[in-house]
Amino acid sequence: MRSAWLVVMLLWAALARSEDKLPVLIVDGINNHDWQTATRELRALLLESGRFTVDVSTSPPADAPASAWNAWNPDFARYRVVVNNFNGGHTAAGIRWPRRVEQALEEYVSGGGGLVVYHAANNAFLEWPAYNDMIGLGWRDKNFGPGLMVTAEGQVVKIPKGTGLDPGHGPRHDFEVHVLNTGHPVTRGLTRTSH
């Protein structure tokens, strides 16, 4: 769960100047990974820090009737940060949230609300343009648009649409995190490279 620690570090950095506990909402319910374990661990890490309150909003299952989806209504505005642990699929046929829920998240983020996309949630909502804008860079086919690569020297290289590799990863492993801007408020205090 090293990636969970990265989420906690980013949230902690965002809260560094605040004395109050930061209210966080984790959204989950469908994912191609073990979302139950991920949510439980994320919640535990955030609560253990003593800096956050954490609620969870679990979507209905993919095969739920429309009435269940109509009743699901996460109240994003009550939180300073939304952690998305939902991945309805990375194809056009993937599960989408009801449009009113998508609009609520769009309004929340455009109004200054924080959004942390946890692991496979960057696969979600291929056909939701605002989500693609919110996450900046997602797990998308090489034909979706341009890609980015960071070289060993820390240079960001733009890879043209249709070239390069399709997204993918091997089994779990330790990895290095390279911080390109150690002066940014979110990364301030982090070393340039960490495991």
C-alpha atoms as a PDB file:
ATOM      1  CA  MET A   1       0.000   0.000   0.000  1.00  0.00           C
ATOM      2  CA  ARG A   2       2.889   2.359  -0.691  1.00  0.00           C
ATOM      3  CA  SER A   3       0.632   4.373  -2.975  1.00  0.00           C
ATOM      4  CA  ALA A   4      -1.687   4.893  -0.001  1.00  0.00           C
ATOM      5  CA  TRP A   5       1.204   6.514   1.867  1.00  0.00           C
ATOM      6  CA  LEU A   6       1.704   8.837  -1.093  1.00  0.00           C
ATOM      7  CA  VAL A   7      -1.947   9.914  -0.833  1.00  0.00           C
ATOM      8  CA  VAL A   8      -1.515  10.567   2.886  1.00  0.00           C
ATOM      9  CA  MET A   9       1.689  12.568   2.264  1.00  0.00           C
ATOM     10  CA  LEU A  10      -0.064  14.742  -0.337  1.00  0.00           C
ATOM     11  CA  LEU A  11      -3.068  15.329   1.880  1.00  0.00           C
ATOM     12  CA  TRP A  12      -0.838  16.027   4.885  1.00  0.00           C
ATOM     13  CA  ALA A  13       1.111  18.605   2.888  1.00  0.00           C
ATOM     14  CA  ALA A  14      -2.129  20.290   1.832  1.00  0.00           C
ATOM     15  CA  LEU A  15      -3.158  20.561   5.477  1.00  0.00           C
ATOM     16  CA  ALA A  16       0.221  21.600   6.865  1.00  0.00           C
ATOM     17  CA  ARG A  17      -0.895  25.134   7.732  1.00  0.00           C
ATOM     18  CA  SER A  18      -4.288  24.274   9.172  1.00  0.00           C
ATOM     19  CA  GLU A  19      -5.060  23.577  12.818  1.00  0.00           C
ATOM     20  CA  ASP A  20      -8.440  22.015  12.047  1.00  0.00           C
ATOM     21  CA  LYS A  21      -9.038  18.452  10.955  1.00  0.00           C
ATOM     22  CA  LEU A  22      -9.623  18.228   7.232  1.00  0.00           C
ATOM     23  CA  PRO A  23     -12.913  16.507   6.310  1.00  0.00           C
ATOM     24  CA  VAL A  24     -12.295  13.875   3.618  1.00  0.00           C
ATOM     25  CA  LEU A  25     -14.777  11.846   1.588  1.00  0.00           C
ATOM     26  CA  ILE A  26     -13.635   8.595  -0.015  1.00  0.00           C
ATOM     27  CA  VAL A  27     -15.822   7.560  -2.962  1.00  0.00           C
ATOM     28  CA  ASP A  28     -15.689   3.872  -3.905  1.00  0.00           C
ATOM     29  CA  GLY A  29     -17.912   0.974  -4.930  1.00  0.00           C
ATOM     30  CA  ILE A  30     -16.699  -0.332  -8.273  1.00  0.00           C
ATOM     31  CA  ASN A  31     -13.102  -0.968  -9.246  1.00  0.00           C
ATOM     32  CA  ASN A  32     -10.983  -3.534 -11.046  1.00  0.00           C
ATOM     33  CA  HIS A  33      -8.793  -3.641  -7.927  1.00  0.00           C
ATOM     34  CA  ASP A  34      -9.630  -4.599  -4.339  1.00  0.00           C
ATOM     35  CA  TRP A  35     -11.386  -1.338  -3.524  1.00  0.00           C
ATOM     36  CA  GLN A  36     -12.686  -2.548  -0.157  1.00  0.00           C
ATOM     37  CA  THR A  37      -9.148  -3.115   1.149  1.00  0.00           C
ATOM     38  CA  ALA A  38      -7.857   0.095  -0.419  1.00  0.00           C
ATOM     39  CA  THR A  39     -10.636   2.176   1.138  1.00  0.00           C
ATOM     40  CA  ARG A  40     -10.176   0.536   4.534  1.00  0.00           C
ATOM     41  CA  GLU A  41      -6.398   1.199   4.464  1.00  0.00           C
ATOM     42  CA  LEU A  42      -6.730   4.767   3.161  1.00  0.00           C
ATOM     43  CA  ARG A  43      -9.304   5.556   5.833  1.00  0.00           C
ATOM     44  CA  ALA A  44      -7.159   4.013   8.578  1.00  0.00           C
ATOM     45  CA  LEU A  45      -4.031   5.917   7.482  1.00  0.00           C
ATOM     46  CA  LEU A  46      -5.858   9.224   7.335  1.00  0.00           C
ATOM     47  CA  LEU A  47      -7.548   8.746  10.710  1.00  0.00           C
ATOM     48  CA  GLU A  48      -4.322   7.505  12.316  1.00  0.00           C
ATOM     49  CA  SER A  49      -2.617  10.784  11.397  1.00  0.00           C
ATOM     50  CA  GLY A  50      -5.068  12.660  13.626  1.00  0.00           C
ATOM     51  CA  ARG A  51      -5.391  15.365  10.958  1.00  0.00           C
ATOM     52  CA  PHE A  52      -8.513  14.154   9.125  1.00  0.00           C
ATOM     53  CA  THR A  53     -12.106  13.099   9.563  1.00  0.00           C
ATOM     54  CA  VAL A  54     -13.123  10.512   6.976  1.00  0.00           C
ATOM     55  CA  ASP A  55     -16.458   9.462   5.548  1.00  0.00           C
ATOM     56  CA  VAL A  56     -17.043   6.919   2.779  1.00  0.00           C
ATOM     57  CA  SER A  57     -19.666   7.036   0.039  1.00  0.00           C
ATOM     58  CA  THR A  58     -20.024   3.667  -1.693  1.00  0.00           C
ATOM     59  CA  SER A  59     -21.791   3.601  -5.034  1.00  0.00           C
ATOM     60  CA  PRO A  60     -24.327   0.925  -5.858  1.00  0.00           C
ATOM     61  CA  PRO A  61     -22.950  -2.154  -7.651  1.00  0.00           C
ATOM     62  CA  ALA A  62     -22.785  -2.069 -11.451  1.00  0.00           C
ATOM     63  CA  ASP A  63     -25.896  -4.209 -11.824  1.00  0.00           C
ATOM     64  CA  ALA A  64     -27.999  -2.228  -9.325  1.00  0.00           C
ATOM     65  CA  PRO A  65     -31.389  -0.964 -10.482  1.00  0.00           C
ATOM     66  CA  ALA A  66     -31.742   2.659 -11.547  1.00  0.00           C
ATOM     67  CA  SER A  67     -33.522   3.419  -8.281  1.00  0.00           C
ATOM     68  CA  ALA A  68     -30.360   2.591  -6.303  1.00  0.00           C
ATOM     69  CA  TRP A  69     -28.263   4.872  -8.524  1.00  0.00           C
ATOM     70  CA  ASN A  70     -30.898   7.600  -8.210  1.00  0.00           C
ATOM     71  CA  ALA A  71     -30.698   7.355  -4.405  1.00  0.00           C
ATOM     72  CA  TRP A  72     -26.864   7.598  -4.342  1.00  0.00           C
ATOM     73  CA  ASN A  73     -25.960  11.225  -3.754  1.00  0.00           C
ATOM     74  CA  PRO A  74     -22.528  11.973  -2.265  1.00  0.00           C
ATOM     75  CA  ASP A  75     -22.497  15.467  -0.748  1.00  0.00           C
ATOM     76  CA  PHE A  76     -19.091  16.660  -1.969  1.00  0.00           C
ATOM     77  CA  ALA A  77     -19.629  20.197  -0.663  1.00  0.00           C
ATOM     78  CA  ARG A  78     -19.345  18.981   2.960  1.00  0.00           C
ATOM     79  CA  TYR A  79     -15.667  18.037   2.443  1.00  0.00           C
ATOM     80  CA  ARG A  80     -12.371  19.760   1.751  1.00  0.00           C
ATOM     81  CA  VAL A  81     -11.020  16.758  -0.160  1.00  0.00           C
ATOM     82  CA  VAL A  82     -12.626  13.949  -2.151  1.00  0.00           C
ATOM     83  CA  VAL A  83     -10.500  10.818  -2.610  1.00  0.00           C
ATOM     84  CA  ASN A  84     -11.773   8.906  -5.624  1.00  0.00           C
ATOM     85  CA  ASN A  85     -11.273   5.130  -5.322  1.00  0.00           C
ATOM     86  CA  PHE A  86     -13.904   4.350  -7.999  1.00  0.00           C
ATOM     87  CA  ASN A  87     -13.085   2.873 -11.388  1.00  0.00           C
ATOM     88  CA  GLY A  88     -16.128   2.094 -13.447  1.00  0.00           C
ATOM     89  CA  GLY A  89     -13.970   1.043 -16.359  1.00  0.00           C
ATOM     90  CA  HIS A  90     -11.561   2.560 -18.811  1.00  0.00           C
ATOM     91  CA  THR A  91     -13.647   1.960 -21.933  1.00  0.00           C
ATOM     92  CA  ALA A  92     -16.523   3.957 -23.353  1.00  0.00           C
ATOM     93  CA  ALA A  93     -18.780   1.187 -21.992  1.00  0.00           C
ATOM     94  CA  GLY A  94     -17.535   1.734 -18.438  1.00  0.00           C
ATOM     95  CA  ILE A  95     -19.924   2.516 -15.574  1.00  0.00           C
ATOM     96  CA  ARG A  96     -20.700   6.219 -15.286  1.00  0.00           C
ATOM     97  CA  TRP A  97     -22.089   8.073 -12.309  1.00  0.00           C
ATOM     98  CA  PRO A  98     -25.507   9.650 -12.698  1.00  0.00           C
ATOM     99  CA  ARG A  99     -25.054  12.958 -14.527  1.00  0.00           C
ATOM    100  CA  ARG A 100     -26.223  14.955 -11.477  1.00  0.00           C
ATOM    101  CA  VAL A 101     -23.391  13.353  -9.396  1.00  0.00           C
ATOM    102  CA  GLU A 102     -20.849  14.123 -12.117  1.00  0.00           C
ATOM    103  CA  GLN A 103     -22.060  17.730 -12.257  1.00  0.00           C
ATOM    104  CA  ALA A 104     -21.830  17.990  -8.478  1.00  0.00           C
ATOM    105  CA  LEU A 105     -18.174  16.878  -8.584  1.00  0.00           C
ATOM    106  CA  GLU A 106     -17.450  19.288 -11.441  1.00  0.00           C
ATOM    107  CA  GLU A 107     -18.938  22.176  -9.450  1.00  0.00           C
ATOM    108  CA  TYR A 108     -17.098  21.086  -6.297  1.00  0.00           C
ATOM    109  CA  VAL A 109     -13.696  21.020  -8.016  1.00  0.00           C
ATOM    110  CA  SER A 110     -14.260  24.215 -10.026  1.00  0.00           C
ATOM    111  CA  GLY A 111     -15.247  25.888  -6.743  1.00  0.00           C
ATOM    112  CA  GLY A 112     -11.907  24.986  -5.152  1.00  0.00           C
ATOM    113  CA  GLY A 113     -12.615  21.547  -3.658  1.00  0.00           C
ATOM    114  CA  GLY A 114      -9.704  19.133  -3.560  1.00  0.00           C
ATOM    115  CA  LEU A 115      -9.683  15.894  -5.560  1.00  0.00           C
ATOM    116  CA  VAL A 116      -7.204  13.055  -5.084  1.00  0.00           C
ATOM    117  CA  VAL A 117      -7.503  10.254  -7.628  1.00  0.00           C
ATOM    118  CA  TYR A 118      -6.341   7.013  -6.040  1.00  0.00           C
ATOM    119  CA  HIS A 119      -4.622   4.435  -8.237  1.00  0.00           C
ATOM    120  CA  ALA A 120      -7.131   2.804 -10.649  1.00  0.00           C
ATOM    121  CA  ALA A 121      -9.514   5.759 -10.422  1.00  0.00           C
ATOM    122  CA  ASN A 122      -7.373   7.358 -13.114  1.00  0.00           C
ATOM    123  CA  ASN A 123      -8.736   4.617 -15.420  1.00  0.00           C
ATOM    124  CA  ALA A 124     -12.309   5.780 -14.928  1.00  0.00           C
ATOM    125  CA  PHE A 125     -14.652   7.909 -17.006  1.00  0.00           C
ATOM    126  CA  LEU A 126     -12.902   7.824 -20.368  1.00  0.00           C
ATOM    127  CA  GLU A 127     -15.816   9.647 -21.998  1.00  0.00           C
ATOM    128  CA  TRP A 128     -16.296  12.316 -19.295  1.00  0.00           C
ATOM    129  CA  PRO A 129     -14.345  15.340 -20.608  1.00  0.00           C
ATOM    130  CA  ALA A 130     -14.485  17.294 -17.331  1.00  0.00           C
ATOM    131  CA  TYR A 131     -13.047  14.319 -15.409  1.00  0.00           C
ATOM    132  CA  ASN A 132     -10.197  14.079 -17.903  1.00  0.00           C
ATOM    133  CA  ASP A 133      -9.531  17.778 -17.274  1.00  0.00           C
ATOM    134  CA  MET A 134      -9.730  17.341 -13.476  1.00  0.00           C
ATOM    135  CA  ILE A 135      -7.222  14.489 -13.354  1.00  0.00           C
ATOM    136  CA  GLY A 136      -4.844  16.009 -15.907  1.00  0.00           C
ATOM    137  CA  LEU A 137      -3.328  12.711 -16.999  1.00  0.00           C
ATOM    138  CA  GLY A 138      -5.041   9.357 -16.900  1.00  0.00           C
ATOM    139  CA  TRP A 139      -4.627   5.736 -17.832  1.00  0.00           C
ATOM    140  CA  ARG A 140      -5.662   6.005 -21.467  1.00  0.00           C
ATOM    141  CA  ASP A 141      -4.941   4.159 -24.706  1.00  0.00           C
ATOM    142  CA  LYS A 142      -2.109   5.716 -26.730  1.00  0.00           C
ATOM    143  CA  ASN A 143      -4.680   6.772 -29.349  1.00  0.00           C
ATOM    144  CA  PHE A 144      -6.656   8.816 -26.783  1.00  0.00           C
ATOM    145  CA  GLY A 145      -4.220  11.704 -26.856  1.00  0.00           C
ATOM    146  CA  PRO A 146      -0.625  12.658 -26.150  1.00  0.00           C
ATOM    147  CA  GLY A 147       1.272  10.985 -23.349  1.00  0.00           C
ATOM    148  CA  LEU A 148       4.017  12.118 -21.005  1.00  0.00           C
ATOM    149  CA  MET A 149       7.223  10.460 -19.937  1.00  0.00           C
ATOM    150  CA  VAL A 150       9.736  11.586 -17.322  1.00  0.00           C
ATOM    151  CA  THR A 151      13.327  10.748 -18.204  1.00  0.00           C
ATOM    152  CA  ALA A 152      15.960   9.595 -15.712  1.00  0.00           C
ATOM    153  CA  GLU A 153      17.238  13.185 -15.775  1.00  0.00           C
ATOM    154  CA  GLY A 154      13.837  14.538 -14.693  1.00  0.00           C
ATOM    155  CA  GLN A 155      12.877  15.970 -18.076  1.00  0.00           C
ATOM    156  CA  VAL A 156       9.203  15.753 -19.077  1.00  0.00           C
ATOM    157  CA  VAL A 157       8.838  14.535 -22.669  1.00  0.00           C
ATOM    158  CA  LYS A 158       5.554  14.764 -24.591  1.00  0.00           C
ATOM    159  CA  ILE A 159       4.763  11.627 -26.601  1.00  0.00           C
ATOM    160  CA  PRO A 160       2.538  12.283 -29.638  1.00  0.00           C
ATOM    161  CA  LYS A 161      -0.915  10.699 -29.847  1.00  0.00           C
ATOM    162  CA  GLY A 162      -0.837   7.239 -31.414  1.00  0.00           C
ATOM    163  CA  THR A 163       2.799   6.555 -30.561  1.00  0.00           C
ATOM    164  CA  GLY A 164       4.530   5.131 -27.525  1.00  0.00           C
ATOM    165  CA  LEU A 165       3.167   2.399 -25.302  1.00  0.00           C
ATOM    166  CA  ASP A 166      -0.349   1.619 -24.162  1.00  0.00           C
ATOM    167  CA  PRO A 167      -0.760   1.886 -20.385  1.00  0.00           C
ATOM    168  CA  GLY A 168       0.004  -1.093 -18.216  1.00  0.00           C
ATOM    169  CA  HIS A 169       2.006  -2.291 -15.262  1.00  0.00           C
ATOM    170  CA  GLY A 170       3.453  -5.493 -13.944  1.00  0.00           C
ATOM    171  CA  PRO A 171       2.929  -7.017 -10.513  1.00  0.00           C
ATOM    172  CA  ARG A 172       3.216  -4.953  -7.312  1.00  0.00           C
ATOM    173  CA  HIS A 173       6.702  -3.761  -6.565  1.00  0.00           C
ATOM    174  CA  ASP A 174       8.552  -1.010  -4.771  1.00  0.00           C
ATOM    175  CA  PHE A 175       9.086   2.046  -6.918  1.00  0.00           C
ATOM    176  CA  GLU A 176      10.839   5.371  -6.802  1.00  0.00           C
ATOM    177  CA  VAL A 177       8.977   8.659  -6.680  1.00  0.00           C
ATOM    178  CA  HIS A 178      10.808  11.535  -8.371  1.00  0.00           C
ATOM    179  CA  VAL A 179       9.727  14.998  -7.226  1.00  0.00           C
ATOM    180  CA  LEU A 180      10.351  17.543  -9.952  1.00  0.00           C
ATOM    181  CA  ASN A 181       9.324  20.637  -7.974  1.00  0.00           C
ATOM    182  CA  THR A 182      10.297  20.458  -4.290  1.00  0.00           C
ATOM    183  CA  GLY A 183       9.182  24.071  -3.777  1.00  0.00           C
ATOM    184  CA  HIS A 184       5.498  23.461  -4.527  1.00  0.00           C
ATOM    185  CA  PRO A 185       3.259  23.597  -1.403  1.00  0.00           C
ATOM    186  CA  VAL A 186       2.211  19.959  -1.909  1.00  0.00           C
ATOM    187  CA  THR A 187       5.772  18.632  -2.282  1.00  0.00           C
ATOM    188  CA  ARG A 188       7.649  21.067  -0.021  1.00  0.00           C
ATOM    189  CA  GLY A 189       9.879  19.121   2.343  1.00  0.00           C
ATOM    190  CA  LEU A 190      10.002  15.958   0.244  1.00  0.00           C
ATOM    191  CA  THR A 191      13.310  14.692  -1.056  1.00  0.00           C
ATOM    192  CA  ARG A 192      13.894  14.635  -4.813  1.00  0.00           C
ATOM    193  CA  THR A 193      13.786  10.827  -4.855  1.00  0.00           C
ATOM    194  CA  SER A 194      12.161   8.476  -2.375  1.00  0.00           C
ATOM    195  CA  HIS A 195      11.040   4.870  -2.216  1.00  0.00           C
END
